[in-house]
Amino acid sequence: MARKFLPLLHVVSFIVAVGLLLTFAGCKNNDEPTPLERITSMLTSAEAWQNPEVTVDGVDYSDLYKDLSITFSKSEYTTVGGAPIWATSGKWKFLNEEGTLLKLDDTREVEINSISDDILELSFQWEENTFEPGRINSVKGKQKFKLKKKK
């Protein structure tokens, strides 16, 4: 009688082994993050993005923003030293699936020209010249910001 169950036992063992292998193979996380997930992670991984090199229509204006720093969370941002171009805080979201275009405060589109573990390059069009006493200055034109990650 035991011999009749032996082939059945082998079949059941084989099925269980294949099931376990499929279960463990299915548990591997080979899924690559989407561009939005990857760029969000890079944006939010910095304590702040700072020390900008700034050009407006190709002319260096880094001195106007030497104290600028930007911090991103999952849906909000804060800045220091960026007035009047950068609000002190607000909300942001992606406008495309590639993660190359942001919308700040539902008003301004900002392009992510490039992002790496250490450098963030942003650009946008600014339509105002402001020259007021103190540190509130801006120049009209295509703004390009190359920021370094604060670690």
Protein backbone atom coordinates (compact mmCIF):
# COMPACT_ATOMS: atom_id res chain seq x y z
CA MET A 1 0.00 0.00 0.00
CA ALA A 2 2.85 2.39 0.76
CA ARG A 3 4.23 1.86 -2.77
CA LYS A 4 0.98 3.18 -4.30
CA PHE A 5 1.35 6.50 -2.45
CA LEU A 6 5.04 6.97 -3.29
CA PRO A 7 4.46 8.25 -6.89
CA LEU A 8 1.64 10.47 -5.64
CA LEU A 9 3.95 11.84 -2.94
CA HIS A 10 6.57 12.69 -5.60
CA VAL A 11 3.97 14.51 -7.71
CA VAL A 12 2.69 16.49 -4.72
CA SER A 13 6.25 17.35 -3.64
CA PHE A 14 7.08 18.50 -7.16
CA ILE A 15 3.97 20.70 -7.34
CA VAL A 16 4.73 22.23 -3.94
CA ALA A 17 8.37 22.89 -4.93
CA VAL A 18 7.35 24.54 -8.21
CA GLY A 19 4.73 26.62 -6.37
CA LEU A 20 7.32 27.81 -3.85
CA LEU A 21 9.77 28.70 -6.60
CA LEU A 22 7.13 30.69 -8.44
CA THR A 23 6.12 32.45 -5.24
CA PHE A 24 9.69 33.48 -4.42
CA ALA A 25 10.42 34.45 -8.02
CA GLY A 26 7.32 36.65 -7.98
CA CYS A 27 8.51 38.37 -4.81
CA LYS A 28 11.65 39.78 -6.42
CA ASN A 29 11.32 43.51 -6.91
CA ASN A 30 12.78 43.94 -10.36
CA ASP A 31 10.42 46.79 -11.13
CA GLU A 32 12.35 49.87 -12.14
CA PRO A 33 11.04 53.10 -10.61
CA THR A 34 9.13 55.35 -12.97
CA PRO A 35 10.85 58.59 -14.07
CA LEU A 36 8.51 60.50 -11.72
CA GLU A 37 9.46 58.27 -8.76
CA ARG A 38 13.17 58.48 -9.57
CA ILE A 39 13.22 62.27 -9.99
CA THR A 40 11.02 62.84 -6.93
CA SER A 41 13.46 60.75 -4.92
CA MET A 42 16.41 62.76 -6.23
CA LEU A 43 14.70 66.13 -5.62
CA THR A 44 13.67 65.25 -2.08
CA SER A 45 16.94 63.51 -1.11
CA ALA A 46 18.78 66.80 -0.72
CA GLU A 47 18.74 68.67 2.56
CA ALA A 48 18.68 71.64 0.17
CA TRP A 49 19.77 72.63 -3.33
CA GLN A 50 22.07 75.65 -3.00
CA ASN A 51 25.11 77.65 -4.24
CA PRO A 52 23.52 78.43 -7.60
CA GLU A 53 25.15 79.45 -10.81
CA VAL A 54 22.50 81.66 -12.41
CA THR A 55 22.25 83.03 -15.92
CA VAL A 56 19.55 85.17 -17.49
CA ASP A 57 19.55 85.00 -21.27
CA GLY A 58 23.12 83.72 -21.04
CA VAL A 59 24.43 86.53 -18.78
CA ASP A 60 25.78 85.59 -15.32
CA TYR A 61 23.60 86.85 -12.45
CA SER A 62 24.82 84.44 -9.78
CA ASP A 63 25.50 87.30 -7.32
CA LEU A 64 21.77 88.12 -7.13
CA TYR A 65 21.05 84.58 -5.84
CA LYS A 66 24.22 83.63 -3.96
CA ASP A 67 22.16 82.88 -0.81
CA LEU A 68 19.42 80.91 -2.59
CA SER A 69 18.56 77.45 -1.34
CA ILE A 70 15.58 75.30 -2.34
CA THR A 71 14.19 72.32 -0.48
CA PHE A 72 11.66 69.90 -1.97
CA SER A 73 9.32 67.53 -0.17
CA LYS A 74 6.94 65.16 -1.98
CA SER A 75 4.57 67.99 -2.99
CA GLU A 76 5.88 71.21 -1.42
CA TYR A 77 8.97 73.37 -1.66
CA THR A 78 10.60 76.07 0.45
CA THR A 79 13.23 78.62 -0.49
CA VAL A 80 15.56 81.05 1.21
CA GLY A 81 17.12 84.03 -0.57
CA GLY A 82 15.16 83.74 -3.80
CA ALA A 83 12.74 86.69 -3.68
CA PRO A 84 11.08 87.90 -5.81
CA ILE A 85 11.47 85.09 -8.36
CA TRP A 86 11.10 82.24 -5.87
CA ALA A 87 8.25 82.22 -3.36
CA THR A 88 9.34 81.33 0.16
CA SER A 89 7.13 78.23 0.01
CA GLY A 90 4.52 76.58 -2.12
CA LYS A 91 3.30 73.46 -3.83
CA TRP A 92 4.78 71.70 -6.84
CA LYS A 93 3.73 68.89 -9.16
CA PHE A 94 4.92 67.25 -12.35
CA LEU A 95 3.30 68.23 -15.64
CA ASN A 96 4.59 65.28 -17.67
CA GLU A 97 5.34 61.58 -17.25
CA GLU A 98 9.05 62.08 -17.97
CA GLY A 99 9.50 64.23 -14.86
CA THR A 100 11.09 67.09 -16.77
CA LEU A 101 8.44 69.78 -16.24
CA LEU A 102 7.20 71.11 -12.89
CA LYS A 103 4.36 73.45 -12.06
CA LEU A 104 4.94 75.66 -9.02
CA ASP A 105 1.89 76.98 -7.18
CA ASP A 106 -0.32 76.30 -10.21
CA THR A 107 1.20 79.37 -11.86
CA ARG A 108 4.76 78.84 -13.13
CA GLU A 109 6.22 76.10 -15.28
CA VAL A 110 9.80 75.15 -14.45
CA GLU A 111 11.85 72.83 -16.63
CA ILE A 112 14.24 70.32 -15.08
CA ASN A 113 17.09 70.51 -17.60
CA SER A 114 19.06 67.85 -15.74
CA ILE A 115 19.30 66.21 -12.35
CA SER A 116 21.94 63.98 -10.82
CA ASP A 117 22.88 62.96 -7.31
CA ASP A 118 24.73 66.26 -6.85
CA ILE A 119 23.47 68.82 -9.41
CA LEU A 120 20.01 70.18 -10.27
CA GLU A 121 19.55 72.42 -13.30
CA LEU A 122 16.28 74.32 -13.65
CA SER A 123 15.05 76.94 -16.10
CA PHE A 124 11.99 79.11 -16.65
CA GLN A 125 10.93 82.38 -18.20
CA TRP A 126 10.60 85.40 -15.88
CA GLU A 127 8.72 88.42 -17.18
CA GLU A 128 9.62 91.19 -14.70
CA ASN A 129 12.54 93.44 -13.95
CA THR A 130 12.62 94.50 -10.31
CA PHE A 131 15.31 96.65 -8.79
CA GLU A 132 14.37 97.68 -5.28
CA PRO A 133 16.50 98.70 -2.33
CA GLY A 134 17.95 95.79 -0.43
CA ARG A 135 18.20 92.29 -1.82
CA ILE A 136 15.02 92.15 -3.91
CA ASN A 137 16.23 92.17 -7.51
CA SER A 138 15.30 90.26 -10.63
CA VAL A 139 16.02 90.44 -14.31
CA LYS A 140 13.51 89.65 -17.05
CA GLY A 141 14.40 86.72 -19.35
CA LYS A 142 15.21 83.02 -19.48
CA GLN A 143 16.39 82.08 -15.99
CA LYS A 144 18.76 79.11 -15.62
CA PHE A 145 19.72 77.84 -12.18
CA LYS A 146 22.43 75.24 -11.61
CA LEU A 147 22.26 74.22 -7.94
CA LYS A 148 24.43 71.91 -5.86
CA LYS A 149 23.12 69.40 -3.38
CA LYS A 150 23.71 70.21 0.27
CA LYS A 151 24.68 66.99 2.00
